[in-house]
Amino acid sequence: MVKLCLDPTMQLLDFYSMNMSHIPAVGVQHVDVSALLQEVTALHAEVRSLTDVRSEIAAVVNYQQLSADRVTSVGV
């Protein structure tokens, strides 16, 4: 059996269920949550980067307002 599974030229059959109600529930101890944790970590990083972008936009807007105020005060 191991030789069959390790042989890259061997084509194994695919099995699937036609009715999902026949498949038993999977317990938490049998679930691989590493992919879920990687996704959550990526989402956290994305939220942090959006927060950084938002603060940069606020800084640019403040700079533009200060520049506009200086132009109007010098022109008067």
PDB file of N, CA and C in Angstrom:
ATOM      1  N   MET A   1       0.823  -1.189   0.000  1.00  0.00           N
ATOM      2  CA  MET A   1       0.000   0.000   0.000  1.00  0.00           C
ATOM      3  C   MET A   1       0.870   1.257   0.000  1.00  0.00           C
ATOM      4  N   VAL A   2       1.940   1.268   0.801  1.00  0.00           N
ATOM      5  CA  VAL A   2       2.824   2.429   0.866  1.00  0.00           C
ATOM      6  C   VAL A   2       3.505   2.644  -0.472  1.00  0.00           C
ATOM      7  N   LYS A   3       3.952   1.561  -1.112  1.00  0.00           N
ATOM      8  CA  LYS A   3       4.589   1.676  -2.425  1.00  0.00           C
ATOM      9  C   LYS A   3       3.630   2.284  -3.445  1.00  0.00           C
ATOM     10  N   LEU A   4       2.372   1.931  -3.375  1.00  0.00           N
ATOM     11  CA  LEU A   4       1.391   2.494  -4.294  1.00  0.00           C
ATOM     12  C   LEU A   4       1.201   3.994  -4.062  1.00  0.00           C
ATOM     13  N   CYS A   5       1.159   4.401  -2.807  1.00  0.00           N
ATOM     14  CA  CYS A   5       0.949   5.814  -2.477  1.00  0.00           C
ATOM     15  C   CYS A   5       2.165   6.667  -2.803  1.00  0.00           C
ATOM     16  N   LEU A   6       3.361   6.101  -2.692  1.00  0.00           N
ATOM     17  CA  LEU A   6       4.576   6.865  -2.931  1.00  0.00           C
ATOM     18  C   LEU A   6       4.988   6.892  -4.405  1.00  0.00           C
ATOM     19  N   ASP A   7       4.381   6.065  -5.214  1.00  0.00           N
ATOM     20  CA  ASP A   7       4.719   6.027  -6.641  1.00  0.00           C
ATOM     21  C   ASP A   7       4.048   7.206  -7.345  1.00  0.00           C
ATOM     22  N   PRO A   8       4.835   8.161  -7.890  1.00  0.00           N
ATOM     23  CA  PRO A   8       4.232   9.346  -8.513  1.00  0.00           C
ATOM     24  C   PRO A   8       3.488   9.043  -9.811  1.00  0.00           C
ATOM     25  N   THR A   9       3.773   7.903 -10.426  1.00  0.00           N
ATOM     26  CA  THR A   9       3.087   7.575 -11.680  1.00  0.00           C
ATOM     27  C   THR A   9       1.745   6.886 -11.441  1.00  0.00           C
ATOM     28  N   MET A  10       1.491   6.484 -10.222  1.00  0.00           N
ATOM     29  CA  MET A  10       0.251   5.769  -9.895  1.00  0.00           C
ATOM     30  C   MET A  10      -0.917   6.748  -9.829  1.00  0.00           C
ATOM     31  N   GLN A  11      -1.993   6.433 -10.500  1.00  0.00           N
ATOM     32  CA  GLN A  11      -3.210   7.235 -10.462  1.00  0.00           C
ATOM     33  C   GLN A  11      -4.167   6.596  -9.463  1.00  0.00           C
ATOM     34  N   LEU A  12      -4.401   7.278  -8.353  1.00  0.00           N
ATOM     35  CA  LEU A  12      -5.329   6.776  -7.345  1.00  0.00           C
ATOM     36  C   LEU A  12      -6.737   7.272  -7.646  1.00  0.00           C
ATOM     37  N   LEU A  13      -7.710   6.508  -7.246  1.00  0.00           N
ATOM     38  CA  LEU A  13      -9.103   6.875  -7.475  1.00  0.00           C
ATOM     39  C   LEU A  13      -9.540   7.978  -6.514  1.00  0.00           C
ATOM     40  N   ASP A  14     -10.452   8.818  -6.970  1.00  0.00           N
ATOM     41  CA  ASP A  14     -11.055   9.850  -6.132  1.00  0.00           C
ATOM     42  C   ASP A  14     -12.387   9.346  -5.616  1.00  0.00           C
ATOM     43  N   PHE A  15     -12.613   9.510  -4.334  1.00  0.00           N
ATOM     44  CA  PHE A  15     -13.873   9.118  -3.723  1.00  0.00           C
ATOM     45  C   PHE A  15     -14.560  10.361  -3.177  1.00  0.00           C
ATOM     46  N   TYR A  16     -15.847  10.440  -3.351  1.00  0.00           N
ATOM     47  CA  TYR A  16     -16.613  11.551  -2.811  1.00  0.00           C
ATOM     48  C   TYR A  16     -18.017  11.073  -2.470  1.00  0.00           C
ATOM     49  N   SER A  17     -18.675  11.865  -1.650  1.00  0.00           N
ATOM     50  CA  SER A  17     -20.010  11.499  -1.187  1.00  0.00           C
ATOM     51  C   SER A  17     -21.054  12.218  -2.027  1.00  0.00           C
ATOM     52  N   MET A  18     -22.058  11.494  -2.417  1.00  0.00           N
ATOM     53  CA  MET A  18     -23.167  12.097  -3.157  1.00  0.00           C
ATOM     54  C   MET A  18     -24.141  12.791  -2.197  1.00  0.00           C
ATOM     55  N   ASN A  19     -24.134  12.365  -0.941  1.00  0.00           N
ATOM     56  CA  ASN A  19     -25.047  12.922   0.047  1.00  0.00           C
ATOM     57  C   ASN A  19     -24.230  13.270   1.288  1.00  0.00           C
ATOM     58  N   MET A  20     -24.073  14.553   1.562  1.00  0.00           N
ATOM     59  CA  MET A  20     -23.226  15.003   2.674  1.00  0.00           C
ATOM     60  C   MET A  20     -23.804  14.624   4.041  1.00  0.00           C
ATOM     61  N   SER A  21     -25.081  14.282   4.119  1.00  0.00           N
ATOM     62  CA  SER A  21     -25.655  13.909   5.400  1.00  0.00           C
ATOM     63  C   SER A  21     -25.108  12.566   5.901  1.00  0.00           C
ATOM     64  N   HIS A  22     -24.510  11.786   5.016  1.00  0.00           N
ATOM     65  CA  HIS A  22     -23.929  10.495   5.412  1.00  0.00           C
ATOM     66  C   HIS A  22     -22.533  10.640   6.017  1.00  0.00           C
ATOM     67  N   ILE A  23     -21.942  11.802   5.888  1.00  0.00           N
ATOM     68  CA  ILE A  23     -20.587  12.017   6.408  1.00  0.00           C
ATOM     69  C   ILE A  23     -20.690  12.447   7.867  1.00  0.00           C
ATOM     70  N   PRO A  24     -19.981  11.768   8.757  1.00  0.00           N
ATOM     71  CA  PRO A  24     -20.065  12.129  10.187  1.00  0.00           C
ATOM     72  C   PRO A  24     -19.405  13.480  10.458  1.00  0.00           C
ATOM     73  N   ALA A  25     -19.835  14.111  11.509  1.00  0.00           N
ATOM     74  CA  ALA A  25     -19.257  15.391  11.916  1.00  0.00           C
ATOM     75  C   ALA A  25     -17.816  15.191  12.360  1.00  0.00           C
ATOM     76  N   VAL A  26     -17.002  16.212  12.140  1.00  0.00           N
ATOM     77  CA  VAL A  26     -15.587  16.160  12.514  1.00  0.00           C
ATOM     78  C   VAL A  26     -15.411  16.914  13.819  1.00  0.00           C
ATOM     79  N   GLY A  27     -14.739  16.281  14.764  1.00  0.00           N
ATOM     80  CA  GLY A  27     -14.480  16.922  16.045  1.00  0.00           C
ATOM     81  C   GLY A  27     -13.377  17.962  15.940  1.00  0.00           C
ATOM     82  N   VAL A  28     -13.337  18.865  16.890  1.00  0.00           N
ATOM     83  CA  VAL A  28     -12.345  19.932  16.901  1.00  0.00           C
ATOM     84  C   VAL A  28     -10.931  19.369  16.962  1.00  0.00           C
ATOM     85  N   GLN A  29     -10.737  18.264  17.644  1.00  0.00           N
ATOM     86  CA  GLN A  29      -9.403  17.681  17.777  1.00  0.00           C
ATOM     87  C   GLN A  29      -8.868  17.164  16.448  1.00  0.00           C
ATOM     88  N   HIS A  30      -9.722  17.009  15.428  1.00  0.00           N
ATOM     89  CA  HIS A  30      -9.285  16.499  14.135  1.00  0.00           C
ATOM     90  C   HIS A  30      -9.213  17.576  13.058  1.00  0.00           C
ATOM     91  N   VAL A  31      -9.416  18.816  13.411  1.00  0.00           N
ATOM     92  CA  VAL A  31      -9.406  19.898  12.436  1.00  0.00           C
ATOM     93  C   VAL A  31      -8.041  20.580  12.455  1.00  0.00           C
ATOM     94  N   ASP A  32      -7.501  20.805  11.266  1.00  0.00           N
ATOM     95  CA  ASP A  32      -6.238  21.529  11.144  1.00  0.00           C
ATOM     96  C   ASP A  32      -6.564  23.019  11.054  1.00  0.00           C
ATOM     97  N   VAL A  33      -6.265  23.748  12.113  1.00  0.00           N
ATOM     98  CA  VAL A  33      -6.609  25.166  12.165  1.00  0.00           C
ATOM     99  C   VAL A  33      -5.457  26.068  11.741  1.00  0.00           C
ATOM    100  N   SER A  34      -4.359  25.496  11.284  1.00  0.00           N
ATOM    101  CA  SER A  34      -3.212  26.322  10.909  1.00  0.00           C
ATOM    102  C   SER A  34      -3.552  27.246   9.742  1.00  0.00           C
ATOM    103  N   ALA A  35      -4.319  26.767   8.769  1.00  0.00           N
ATOM    104  CA  ALA A  35      -4.709  27.621   7.645  1.00  0.00           C
ATOM    105  C   ALA A  35      -5.607  28.757   8.126  1.00  0.00           C
ATOM    106  N   LEU A  36      -6.499  28.472   9.049  1.00  0.00           N
ATOM    107  CA  LEU A  36      -7.361  29.522   9.601  1.00  0.00           C
ATOM    108  C   LEU A  36      -6.545  30.566  10.357  1.00  0.00           C
ATOM    109  N   LEU A  37      -5.568  30.113  11.126  1.00  0.00           N
ATOM    110  CA  LEU A  37      -4.722  31.052  11.865  1.00  0.00           C
ATOM    111  C   LEU A  37      -3.898  31.913  10.918  1.00  0.00           C
ATOM    112  N   GLN A  38      -3.414  31.339   9.832  1.00  0.00           N
ATOM    113  CA  GLN A  38      -2.665  32.122   8.840  1.00  0.00           C
ATOM    114  C   GLN A  38      -3.564  33.177   8.215  1.00  0.00           C
ATOM    115  N   GLU A  39      -4.796  32.835   7.928  1.00  0.00           N
ATOM    116  CA  GLU A  39      -5.734  33.786   7.343  1.00  0.00           C
ATOM    117  C   GLU A  39      -6.045  34.921   8.316  1.00  0.00           C
ATOM    118  N   VAL A  40      -6.254  34.590   9.577  1.00  0.00           N
ATOM    119  CA  VAL A  40      -6.523  35.621  10.589  1.00  0.00           C
ATOM    120  C   VAL A  40      -5.315  36.540  10.738  1.00  0.00           C
ATOM    121  N   THR A  41      -4.114  35.975  10.728  1.00  0.00           N
ATOM    122  CA  THR A  41      -2.900  36.782  10.821  1.00  0.00           C
ATOM    123  C   THR A  41      -2.781  37.719   9.627  1.00  0.00           C
ATOM    124  N   ALA A  42      -3.090  37.226   8.436  1.00  0.00           N
ATOM    125  CA  ALA A  42      -3.042  38.069   7.243  1.00  0.00           C
ATOM    126  C   ALA A  42      -4.070  39.192   7.322  1.00  0.00           C
ATOM    127  N   LEU A  43      -5.254  38.881   7.827  1.00  0.00           N
ATOM    128  CA  LEU A  43      -6.284  39.916   7.974  1.00  0.00           C
ATOM    129  C   LEU A  43      -5.870  40.981   8.987  1.00  0.00           C
ATOM    130  N   HIS A  44      -5.238  40.551  10.079  1.00  0.00           N
ATOM    131  CA  HIS A  44      -4.745  41.519  11.069  1.00  0.00           C
ATOM    132  C   HIS A  44      -3.708  42.441  10.439  1.00  0.00           C
ATOM    133  N   ALA A  45      -2.806  41.882   9.660  1.00  0.00           N
ATOM    134  CA  ALA A  45      -1.779  42.698   9.001  1.00  0.00           C
ATOM    135  C   ALA A  45      -2.410  43.681   8.021  1.00  0.00           C
ATOM    136  N   GLU A  46      -3.439  43.237   7.316  1.00  0.00           N
ATOM    137  CA  GLU A  46      -4.113  44.120   6.362  1.00  0.00           C
ATOM    138  C   GLU A  46      -4.825  45.262   7.083  1.00  0.00           C
ATOM    139  N   VAL A  47      -5.463  44.962   8.194  1.00  0.00           N
ATOM    140  CA  VAL A  47      -6.146  46.010   8.968  1.00  0.00           C
ATOM    141  C   VAL A  47      -5.122  47.014   9.496  1.00  0.00           C
ATOM    142  N   ARG A  48      -3.984  46.518   9.987  1.00  0.00           N
ATOM    143  CA  ARG A  48      -2.932  47.423  10.465  1.00  0.00           C
ATOM    144  C   ARG A  48      -2.429  48.323   9.344  1.00  0.00           C
ATOM    145  N   SER A  49      -2.245  47.767   8.143  1.00  0.00           N
ATOM    146  CA  SER A  49      -1.759  48.580   7.026  1.00  0.00           C
ATOM    147  C   SER A  49      -2.796  49.616   6.619  1.00  0.00           C
ATOM    148  N   LEU A  50      -4.084  49.257   6.684  1.00  0.00           N
ATOM    149  CA  LEU A  50      -5.130  50.234   6.372  1.00  0.00           C
ATOM    150  C   LEU A  50      -5.143  51.359   7.398  1.00  0.00           C
ATOM    151  N   THR A  51      -4.890  51.040   8.651  1.00  0.00           N
ATOM    152  CA  THR A  51      -4.818  52.062   9.688  1.00  0.00           C
ATOM    153  C   THR A  51      -3.649  53.000   9.424  1.00  0.00           C
ATOM    154  N   ASP A  52      -2.521  52.445   8.992  1.00  0.00           N
ATOM    155  CA  ASP A  52      -1.361  53.273   8.651  1.00  0.00           C
ATOM    156  C   ASP A  52      -1.666  54.188   7.470  1.00  0.00           C
ATOM    157  N   VAL A  53      -2.345  53.657   6.468  1.00  0.00           N
ATOM    158  CA  VAL A  53      -2.706  54.461   5.300  1.00  0.00           C
ATOM    159  C   VAL A  53      -3.659  55.573   5.703  1.00  0.00           C
ATOM    160  N   ARG A  54      -4.596  55.249   6.566  1.00  0.00           N
ATOM    161  CA  ARG A  54      -5.559  56.258   7.014  1.00  0.00           C
ATOM    162  C   ARG A  54      -4.846  57.396   7.764  1.00  0.00           C
ATOM    163  N   SER A  55      -3.873  57.068   8.599  1.00  0.00           N
ATOM    164  CA  SER A  55      -3.142  58.110   9.325  1.00  0.00           C
ATOM    165  C   SER A  55      -2.275  58.929   8.369  1.00  0.00           C
ATOM    166  N   GLU A  56      -1.712  58.295   7.338  1.00  0.00           N
ATOM    167  CA  GLU A  56      -0.933  59.039   6.342  1.00  0.00           C
ATOM    168  C   GLU A  56      -1.822  60.000   5.560  1.00  0.00           C
ATOM    169  N   ILE A  57      -3.023  59.562   5.217  1.00  0.00           N
ATOM    170  CA  ILE A  57      -3.963  60.435   4.501  1.00  0.00           C
ATOM    171  C   ILE A  57      -4.341  61.624   5.379  1.00  0.00           C
ATOM    172  N   ALA A  58      -4.571  61.374   6.661  1.00  0.00           N
ATOM    173  CA  ALA A  58      -4.906  62.470   7.574  1.00  0.00           C
ATOM    174  C   ALA A  58      -3.747  63.454   7.678  1.00  0.00           C
ATOM    175  N   ALA A  59      -2.520  62.959   7.685  1.00  0.00           N
ATOM    176  CA  ALA A  59      -1.356  63.843   7.753  1.00  0.00           C
ATOM    177  C   ALA A  59      -1.253  64.692   6.488  1.00  0.00           C
ATOM    178  N   VAL A  60      -1.510  64.119   5.339  1.00  0.00           N
ATOM    179  CA  VAL A  60      -1.456  64.871   4.082  1.00  0.00           C
ATOM    180  C   VAL A  60      -2.543  65.932   4.045  1.00  0.00           C
ATOM    181  N   VAL A  61      -3.732  65.591   4.492  1.00  0.00           N
ATOM    182  CA  VAL A  61      -4.834  66.556   4.509  1.00  0.00           C
ATOM    183  C   VAL A  61      -4.496  67.704   5.456  1.00  0.00           C
ATOM    184  N   ASN A  62      -3.948  67.402   6.616  1.00  0.00           N
ATOM    185  CA  ASN A  62      -3.557  68.456   7.561  1.00  0.00           C
ATOM    186  C   ASN A  62      -2.479  69.343   6.967  1.00  0.00           C
ATOM    187  N   TYR A  63      -1.522  68.754   6.271  1.00  0.00           N
ATOM    188  CA  TYR A  63      -0.449  69.529   5.640  1.00  0.00           C
ATOM    189  C   TYR A  63      -1.028  70.450   4.570  1.00  0.00           C
ATOM    190  N   GLN A  64      -1.965  69.934   3.779  1.00  0.00           N
ATOM    191  CA  GLN A  64      -2.581  70.758   2.740  1.00  0.00           C
ATOM    192  C   GLN A  64      -3.374  71.903   3.359  1.00  0.00           C
ATOM    193  N   GLN A  65      -4.060  71.652   4.454  1.00  0.00           N
ATOM    194  CA  GLN A  65      -4.819  72.717   5.114  1.00  0.00           C
ATOM    195  C   GLN A  65      -3.871  73.776   5.669  1.00  0.00           C
ATOM    196  N   LEU A  66      -2.759  73.341   6.271  1.00  0.00           N
ATOM    197  CA  LEU A  66      -1.785  74.300   6.782  1.00  0.00           C
ATOM    198  C   LEU A  66      -1.171  75.116   5.651  1.00  0.00           C
ATOM    199  N   SER A  67      -0.876  74.472   4.545  1.00  0.00           N
ATOM    200  CA  SER A  67      -0.313  75.181   3.397  1.00  0.00           C
ATOM    201  C   SER A  67      -1.308  76.201   2.841  1.00  0.00           C
ATOM    202  N   ALA A  68      -2.570  75.806   2.752  1.00  0.00           N
ATOM    203  CA  ALA A  68      -3.595  76.719   2.252  1.00  0.00           C
ATOM    204  C   ALA A  68      -3.770  77.893   3.192  1.00  0.00           C
ATOM    205  N   ASP A  69      -3.706  77.654   4.501  1.00  0.00           N
ATOM    206  CA  ASP A  69      -3.841  78.739   5.481  1.00  0.00           C
ATOM    207  C   ASP A  69      -2.668  79.702   5.363  1.00  0.00           C
ATOM    208  N   ARG A  70      -1.473  79.186   5.135  1.00  0.00           N
ATOM    209  CA  ARG A  70      -0.295  80.056   4.993  1.00  0.00           C
ATOM    210  C   ARG A  70      -0.397  80.917   3.734  1.00  0.00           C
ATOM    211  N   VAL A  71      -0.885  80.347   2.645  1.00  0.00           N
ATOM    212  CA  VAL A  71      -1.027  81.096   1.391  1.00  0.00           C
ATOM    213  C   VAL A  71      -2.057  82.204   1.568  1.00  0.00           C
ATOM    214  N   THR A  72      -3.161  81.932   2.204  1.00  0.00           N
ATOM    215  CA  THR A  72      -4.190  82.953   2.379  1.00  0.00           C
ATOM    216  C   THR A  72      -3.734  84.022   3.364  1.00  0.00           C
ATOM    217  N   SER A  73      -2.950  83.650   4.402  1.00  0.00           N
ATOM    218  CA  SER A  73      -2.516  84.655   5.372  1.00  0.00           C
ATOM    219  C   SER A  73      -1.407  85.529   4.781  1.00  0.00           C
ATOM    220  N   VAL A  74      -0.567  84.977   3.913  1.00  0.00           N
ATOM    221  CA  VAL A  74       0.497  85.765   3.279  1.00  0.00           C
ATOM    222  C   VAL A  74      -0.102  86.648   2.210  1.00  0.00           C
ATOM    223  N   GLY A  75      -1.097  86.194   1.500  1.00  0.00           N
ATOM    224  CA  GLY A  75      -1.716  86.958   0.413  1.00  0.00           C
ATOM    225  C   GLY A  75      -2.542  88.117   0.902  1.00  0.00           C
ATOM    226  N   VAL A  76      -2.988  88.084   2.147  1.00  0.00           N
ATOM    227  CA  VAL A  76      -3.850  89.145   2.676  1.00  0.00           C
ATOM    228  C   VAL A  76      -3.088  90.320   3.089  1.00  0.00           C
TER     229      VAL A  76
END
